[in-house]
Structures are given as C-alpha cells and as structure tokens.
Amino acid sequence: MHNFKELNIWNEAKDYCVLIYKVTSNFPASEIYGITSQIKRAVVSIPSNIAEGAGRNSDKDFSRFIAISLGSSFELETQLIIANELDFIDNEKLKELIKSLSKIQKMLVNFQKHLNK
C-alpha cells in the first residue's frame, strides 16, 4: 500500500484537476451538463484513480488503476480539443493545457512501468 499524498504523480494530477475546474468555470452556462460536466468527470478521475490504486494491496492492482487514470487523461485530451473547436478554449490555452496533460500522461506510463517490474 502506498501513501498517495506523497506521490508526485498524484500531486501533479490533483493540481491539474484544480486548474481544469478553473478553466471550465468560464464555459457557457448552457454547457454545464454537457462538455463541462464531461471534462470535470474525466479530470477528477485521474487523481482519484491514482489514490484508489494506492490503497490496493498489490502493485498489479495499483497498475490497473494507473491504466484507468491514463485512459481518463486521453478522454480529457479529446474533450479539451473539442472545447477548443467550439471556441470555449483559445488555441494558446489549449496548447498549455495539452502540454501539462502530456507530462502527466508520461508520468503515468513511467509509473505503470515501475509497478509492473
């Protein structure tokens, strides 16, 4: 069992989640149950699954939750691209958000490799 609060990957994902919540606060009110909700569900899933996996009894179980987090990150990336195409996020902000998300995705992949050793 791992202490998720001490994991760099969890802290990065949690901070990114807060950032995305702030970004989506500027989305149109008409999208609160649409893409805004989808984005929030996907982004909160990333640190949540890291935390849940950390509480499991084996690295194999933990690795499975890291895979779920990674899947949520790609779902989120797709939703951010769509939000950009709908003009909810400008091109520069999208570039910044994708860059940060890519860092988290790489961290997830590397952490999963470490767990699978």
N, C-alpha and C. Protein backbone atom coordinates (compact mmCIF):
# COMPACT_ATOMS: atom_id res chain seq x y z
N MET A 1 0.84 -1.18 0.00
CA MET A 1 0.00 0.00 0.00
C MET A 1 0.90 1.25 0.00
N HIS A 2 0.51 2.24 -0.78
CA HIS A 2 1.28 3.47 -0.93
C HIS A 2 0.50 4.64 -0.32
N ASN A 3 1.19 5.66 0.13
CA ASN A 3 0.55 6.88 0.58
C ASN A 3 0.41 7.79 -0.64
N PHE A 4 -0.80 7.87 -1.19
CA PHE A 4 -0.99 8.60 -2.44
C PHE A 4 -0.61 10.06 -2.34
N LYS A 5 -0.75 10.67 -1.15
CA LYS A 5 -0.44 12.10 -1.00
C LYS A 5 1.05 12.39 -1.14
N GLU A 6 1.87 11.35 -1.03
CA GLU A 6 3.32 11.52 -1.19
C GLU A 6 3.79 11.26 -2.62
N LEU A 7 2.88 10.84 -3.49
CA LEU A 7 3.25 10.53 -4.88
C LEU A 7 3.23 11.79 -5.74
N ASN A 8 4.34 12.04 -6.42
CA ASN A 8 4.41 13.21 -7.32
C ASN A 8 3.31 13.17 -8.37
N ILE A 9 3.04 12.00 -8.90
CA ILE A 9 2.03 11.87 -9.96
C ILE A 9 0.65 12.27 -9.45
N TRP A 10 0.32 11.90 -8.21
CA TRP A 10 -0.98 12.28 -7.65
C TRP A 10 -1.05 13.79 -7.47
N ASN A 11 0.03 14.40 -6.95
CA ASN A 11 0.05 15.84 -6.74
C ASN A 11 -0.07 16.61 -8.05
N GLU A 12 0.64 16.15 -9.07
CA GLU A 12 0.55 16.79 -10.40
C GLU A 12 -0.88 16.71 -10.93
N ALA A 13 -1.47 15.51 -10.83
CA ALA A 13 -2.82 15.28 -11.35
C ALA A 13 -3.85 16.08 -10.57
N LYS A 14 -3.69 16.16 -9.27
CA LYS A 14 -4.62 16.92 -8.42
C LYS A 14 -4.55 18.40 -8.75
N ASP A 15 -3.34 18.95 -8.89
CA ASP A 15 -3.18 20.36 -9.24
C ASP A 15 -3.75 20.66 -10.62
N TYR A 16 -3.54 19.73 -11.55
CA TYR A 16 -4.09 19.89 -12.90
C TYR A 16 -5.62 19.89 -12.85
N CYS A 17 -6.18 19.05 -12.02
CA CYS A 17 -7.63 18.97 -11.85
C CYS A 17 -8.18 20.33 -11.41
N VAL A 18 -7.53 20.94 -10.43
CA VAL A 18 -7.96 22.26 -9.95
C VAL A 18 -7.88 23.29 -11.08
N LEU A 19 -6.80 23.24 -11.85
CA LEU A 19 -6.65 24.16 -12.99
C LEU A 19 -7.79 23.99 -14.00
N ILE A 20 -8.11 22.75 -14.34
CA ILE A 20 -9.17 22.49 -15.32
C ILE A 20 -10.52 22.96 -14.79
N TYR A 21 -10.77 22.76 -13.52
CA TYR A 21 -12.03 23.27 -12.93
C TYR A 21 -12.12 24.78 -13.11
N LYS A 22 -11.00 25.49 -12.91
CA LYS A 22 -10.99 26.94 -13.09
C LYS A 22 -11.23 27.32 -14.55
N VAL A 23 -10.60 26.58 -15.46
CA VAL A 23 -10.77 26.86 -16.89
C VAL A 23 -12.22 26.66 -17.30
N THR A 24 -12.84 25.58 -16.84
CA THR A 24 -14.22 25.30 -17.26
C THR A 24 -15.24 26.23 -16.61
N SER A 25 -14.84 26.96 -15.58
CA SER A 25 -15.77 27.92 -14.96
C SER A 25 -16.14 29.04 -15.92
N ASN A 26 -15.33 29.20 -16.98
CA ASN A 26 -15.61 30.23 -17.98
C ASN A 26 -16.40 29.70 -19.18
N PHE A 27 -16.73 28.42 -19.18
CA PHE A 27 -17.51 27.83 -20.28
C PHE A 27 -18.94 28.35 -20.21
N PRO A 28 -19.66 28.32 -21.33
CA PRO A 28 -21.05 28.78 -21.33
C PRO A 28 -21.90 27.99 -20.33
N ALA A 29 -22.81 28.69 -19.66
CA ALA A 29 -23.71 28.05 -18.69
C ALA A 29 -24.53 26.95 -19.35
N SER A 30 -24.81 27.10 -20.62
CA SER A 30 -25.61 26.09 -21.33
C SER A 30 -24.89 24.75 -21.43
N GLU A 31 -23.57 24.74 -21.18
CA GLU A 31 -22.78 23.51 -21.27
C GLU A 31 -22.53 22.84 -19.93
N ILE A 32 -23.17 23.34 -18.87
CA ILE A 32 -22.90 22.80 -17.53
C ILE A 32 -23.18 21.30 -17.44
N TYR A 33 -24.17 20.82 -18.18
CA TYR A 33 -24.48 19.39 -18.18
C TYR A 33 -23.94 18.69 -19.42
N GLY A 34 -23.23 19.43 -20.24
CA GLY A 34 -22.65 18.87 -21.46
C GLY A 34 -21.16 18.66 -21.30
N ILE A 35 -20.40 19.33 -22.15
CA ILE A 35 -18.96 19.10 -22.18
C ILE A 35 -18.27 19.52 -20.88
N THR A 36 -18.80 20.54 -20.20
CA THR A 36 -18.20 20.95 -18.93
C THR A 36 -18.24 19.80 -17.92
N SER A 37 -19.37 19.17 -17.83
CA SER A 37 -19.54 18.04 -16.91
C SER A 37 -18.64 16.87 -17.30
N GLN A 38 -18.55 16.59 -18.58
CA GLN A 38 -17.71 15.50 -19.08
C GLN A 38 -16.23 15.76 -18.76
N ILE A 39 -15.79 16.99 -18.98
CA ILE A 39 -14.40 17.35 -18.71
C ILE A 39 -14.10 17.21 -17.22
N LYS A 40 -15.00 17.70 -16.39
CA LYS A 40 -14.78 17.61 -14.94
C LYS A 40 -14.73 16.16 -14.47
N ARG A 41 -15.61 15.33 -15.00
CA ARG A 41 -15.61 13.91 -14.61
C ARG A 41 -14.30 13.24 -15.02
N ALA A 42 -13.84 13.54 -16.24
CA ALA A 42 -12.60 12.91 -16.72
C ALA A 42 -11.39 13.37 -15.91
N VAL A 43 -11.29 14.68 -15.65
CA VAL A 43 -10.10 15.19 -14.96
C VAL A 43 -10.06 14.75 -13.51
N VAL A 44 -11.20 14.69 -12.84
CA VAL A 44 -11.20 14.28 -11.43
C VAL A 44 -10.92 12.78 -11.31
N SER A 45 -11.19 12.05 -12.37
CA SER A 45 -10.93 10.61 -12.39
C SER A 45 -9.42 10.30 -12.33
N ILE A 46 -8.61 11.18 -12.84
CA ILE A 46 -7.16 10.92 -12.91
C ILE A 46 -6.56 10.81 -11.51
N PRO A 47 -6.61 11.86 -10.68
CA PRO A 47 -6.04 11.70 -9.34
C PRO A 47 -6.83 10.74 -8.45
N SER A 48 -8.13 10.65 -8.69
CA SER A 48 -8.97 9.75 -7.87
C SER A 48 -8.57 8.29 -8.06
N ASN A 49 -8.30 7.89 -9.29
CA ASN A 49 -7.90 6.51 -9.55
C ASN A 49 -6.48 6.23 -9.07
N ILE A 50 -5.63 7.24 -9.10
CA ILE A 50 -4.29 7.07 -8.53
C ILE A 50 -4.42 6.80 -7.03
N ALA A 51 -5.25 7.59 -6.37
CA ALA A 51 -5.46 7.41 -4.93
C ALA A 51 -6.08 6.06 -4.62
N GLU A 52 -7.08 5.67 -5.38
CA GLU A 52 -7.73 4.39 -5.14
C GLU A 52 -6.75 3.23 -5.35
N GLY A 53 -5.96 3.32 -6.41
CA GLY A 53 -4.97 2.27 -6.68
C GLY A 53 -3.92 2.18 -5.60
N ALA A 54 -3.55 3.33 -5.05
CA ALA A 54 -2.53 3.35 -3.99
C ALA A 54 -3.00 2.58 -2.76
N GLY A 55 -4.29 2.50 -2.58
CA GLY A 55 -4.83 1.80 -1.43
C GLY A 55 -4.99 0.30 -1.64
N ARG A 56 -4.66 -0.18 -2.80
CA ARG A 56 -4.77 -1.62 -3.08
C ARG A 56 -3.59 -2.38 -2.49
N ASN A 57 -3.76 -3.67 -2.39
CA ASN A 57 -2.76 -4.49 -1.71
C ASN A 57 -1.61 -4.95 -2.58
N SER A 58 -1.71 -4.75 -3.89
CA SER A 58 -0.61 -5.22 -4.75
C SER A 58 -0.31 -4.18 -5.83
N ASP A 59 0.92 -4.23 -6.32
CA ASP A 59 1.31 -3.35 -7.40
C ASP A 59 0.53 -3.66 -8.67
N LYS A 60 0.15 -4.92 -8.84
CA LYS A 60 -0.64 -5.30 -10.02
C LYS A 60 -2.00 -4.59 -10.00
N ASP A 61 -2.65 -4.58 -8.87
CA ASP A 61 -3.92 -3.85 -8.74
C ASP A 61 -3.71 -2.36 -8.95
N PHE A 62 -2.65 -1.83 -8.34
CA PHE A 62 -2.34 -0.40 -8.48
C PHE A 62 -2.13 -0.06 -9.95
N SER A 63 -1.42 -0.90 -10.67
CA SER A 63 -1.16 -0.69 -12.09
C SER A 63 -2.45 -0.59 -12.90
N ARG A 64 -3.43 -1.39 -12.52
CA ARG A 64 -4.72 -1.37 -13.22
C ARG A 64 -5.39 0.01 -13.05
N PHE A 65 -5.30 0.59 -11.86
CA PHE A 65 -5.88 1.91 -11.62
C PHE A 65 -5.09 3.01 -12.33
N ILE A 66 -3.80 2.83 -12.46
CA ILE A 66 -3.00 3.78 -13.24
C ILE A 66 -3.44 3.73 -14.70
N ALA A 67 -3.75 2.54 -15.21
CA ALA A 67 -4.25 2.40 -16.58
C ALA A 67 -5.59 3.13 -16.75
N ILE A 68 -6.43 3.06 -15.75
CA ILE A 68 -7.71 3.77 -15.80
C ILE A 68 -7.46 5.28 -15.82
N SER A 69 -6.54 5.75 -14.98
CA SER A 69 -6.18 7.17 -14.97
C SER A 69 -5.66 7.62 -16.33
N LEU A 70 -4.83 6.79 -16.93
CA LEU A 70 -4.30 7.11 -18.25
C LEU A 70 -5.42 7.20 -19.29
N GLY A 71 -6.34 6.26 -19.24
CA GLY A 71 -7.49 6.31 -20.15
C GLY A 71 -8.29 7.58 -19.97
N SER A 72 -8.51 7.98 -18.72
CA SER A 72 -9.24 9.22 -18.44
C SER A 72 -8.49 10.43 -18.98
N SER A 73 -7.16 10.38 -18.94
CA SER A 73 -6.37 11.51 -19.44
C SER A 73 -6.54 11.67 -20.95
N PHE A 74 -6.64 10.56 -21.68
CA PHE A 74 -6.84 10.65 -23.13
C PHE A 74 -8.27 11.07 -23.46
N GLU A 75 -9.21 10.64 -22.64
CA GLU A 75 -10.59 11.10 -22.79
C GLU A 75 -10.63 12.62 -22.59
N LEU A 76 -9.96 13.09 -21.55
CA LEU A 76 -9.90 14.53 -21.27
C LEU A 76 -9.24 15.29 -22.41
N GLU A 77 -8.17 14.76 -22.94
CA GLU A 77 -7.48 15.43 -24.04
C GLU A 77 -8.42 15.62 -25.23
N THR A 78 -9.19 14.61 -25.54
CA THR A 78 -10.17 14.70 -26.62
C THR A 78 -11.20 15.79 -26.33
N GLN A 79 -11.68 15.82 -25.11
CA GLN A 79 -12.70 16.81 -24.74
C GLN A 79 -12.15 18.23 -24.79
N LEU A 80 -10.89 18.40 -24.41
CA LEU A 80 -10.27 19.73 -24.49
C LEU A 80 -10.14 20.19 -25.94
N ILE A 81 -9.79 19.27 -26.82
CA ILE A 81 -9.70 19.60 -28.25
C ILE A 81 -11.07 20.01 -28.78
N ILE A 82 -12.10 19.28 -28.39
CA ILE A 82 -13.46 19.62 -28.82
C ILE A 82 -13.86 20.98 -28.26
N ALA A 83 -13.54 21.24 -26.99
CA ALA A 83 -13.86 22.54 -26.39
C ALA A 83 -13.16 23.67 -27.14
N ASN A 84 -11.95 23.41 -27.60
CA ASN A 84 -11.23 24.39 -28.40
C ASN A 84 -11.94 24.64 -29.73
N GLU A 85 -12.37 23.57 -30.37
CA GLU A 85 -13.06 23.72 -31.66
C GLU A 85 -14.41 24.41 -31.51
N LEU A 86 -14.97 24.37 -30.30
CA LEU A 86 -16.22 25.08 -30.02
C LEU A 86 -15.96 26.51 -29.52
N ASP A 87 -14.68 26.90 -29.52
CA ASP A 87 -14.24 28.22 -29.07
C ASP A 87 -14.48 28.48 -27.58
N PHE A 88 -14.47 27.44 -26.77
CA PHE A 88 -14.56 27.59 -25.32
C PHE A 88 -13.18 27.79 -24.72
N ILE A 89 -12.15 27.30 -25.43
CA ILE A 89 -10.76 27.44 -25.02
C ILE A 89 -9.99 27.97 -26.23
N ASP A 90 -9.18 29.02 -26.04
CA ASP A 90 -8.41 29.53 -27.18
C ASP A 90 -7.20 28.63 -27.46
N ASN A 91 -6.61 28.83 -28.60
CA ASN A 91 -5.52 27.96 -29.06
C ASN A 91 -4.32 27.95 -28.10
N GLU A 92 -3.96 29.11 -27.58
CA GLU A 92 -2.81 29.19 -26.67
C GLU A 92 -3.08 28.44 -25.37
N LYS A 93 -4.29 28.60 -24.83
CA LYS A 93 -4.65 27.91 -23.60
C LYS A 93 -4.68 26.40 -23.84
N LEU A 94 -5.22 25.98 -24.98
CA LEU A 94 -5.24 24.56 -25.30
C LEU A 94 -3.83 24.00 -25.35
N LYS A 95 -2.93 24.71 -26.00
CA LYS A 95 -1.54 24.27 -26.12
C LYS A 95 -0.92 24.09 -24.73
N GLU A 96 -1.16 25.04 -23.85
CA GLU A 96 -0.65 24.99 -22.48
C GLU A 96 -1.25 23.80 -21.70
N LEU A 97 -2.56 23.60 -21.85
CA LEU A 97 -3.24 22.52 -21.14
C LEU A 97 -2.78 21.15 -21.64
N ILE A 98 -2.61 21.02 -22.95
CA ILE A 98 -2.17 19.75 -23.54
C ILE A 98 -0.73 19.44 -23.12
N LYS A 99 0.10 20.47 -23.06
CA LYS A 99 1.49 20.27 -22.64
C LYS A 99 1.54 19.73 -21.21
N SER A 100 0.78 20.32 -20.33
CA SER A 100 0.73 19.85 -18.94
C SER A 100 0.15 18.45 -18.84
N LEU A 101 -0.89 18.20 -19.63
CA LEU A 101 -1.51 16.88 -19.62
C LEU A 101 -0.56 15.82 -20.16
N SER A 102 0.20 16.15 -21.19
CA SER A 102 1.18 15.22 -21.75
C SER A 102 2.22 14.83 -20.72
N LYS A 103 2.62 15.79 -19.89
CA LYS A 103 3.58 15.50 -18.81
C LYS A 103 2.97 14.47 -17.85
N ILE A 104 1.72 14.67 -17.49
CA ILE A 104 1.04 13.73 -16.58
C ILE A 104 0.92 12.36 -17.24
N GLN A 105 0.59 12.33 -18.52
CA GLN A 105 0.47 11.05 -19.23
C GLN A 105 1.80 10.30 -19.22
N LYS A 106 2.89 11.00 -19.45
CA LYS A 106 4.21 10.36 -19.42
C LYS A 106 4.53 9.85 -18.03
N MET A 107 4.19 10.62 -17.02
CA MET A 107 4.42 10.19 -15.64
C MET A 107 3.62 8.93 -15.32
N LEU A 108 2.38 8.88 -15.80
CA LEU A 108 1.54 7.71 -15.59
C LEU A 108 2.14 6.47 -16.24
N VAL A 109 2.57 6.62 -17.49
CA VAL A 109 3.17 5.49 -18.21
C VAL A 109 4.42 5.00 -17.49
N ASN A 110 5.28 5.93 -17.09
CA ASN A 110 6.51 5.53 -16.40
C ASN A 110 6.23 4.90 -15.04
N PHE A 111 5.25 5.43 -14.33
CA PHE A 111 4.90 4.86 -13.04
C PHE A 111 4.32 3.45 -13.21
N GLN A 112 3.52 3.28 -14.25
CA GLN A 112 2.95 1.95 -14.51
C GLN A 112 4.06 0.96 -14.84
N LYS A 113 5.05 1.38 -15.62
CA LYS A 113 6.19 0.50 -15.92
C LYS A 113 6.91 0.11 -14.64
N HIS A 114 7.08 1.07 -13.75
CA HIS A 114 7.73 0.80 -12.46
C HIS A 114 6.94 -0.22 -11.64
N LEU A 115 5.63 -0.08 -11.63
CA LEU A 115 4.78 -1.01 -10.88
C LEU A 115 4.80 -2.42 -11.46
N ASN A 116 4.95 -2.50 -12.78
CA ASN A 116 4.89 -3.80 -13.46
C ASN A 116 6.21 -4.56 -13.44
N LYS A 117 7.26 -3.98 -12.86
CA LYS A 117 8.55 -4.66 -12.80
C LYS A 117 8.50 -5.84 -11.87
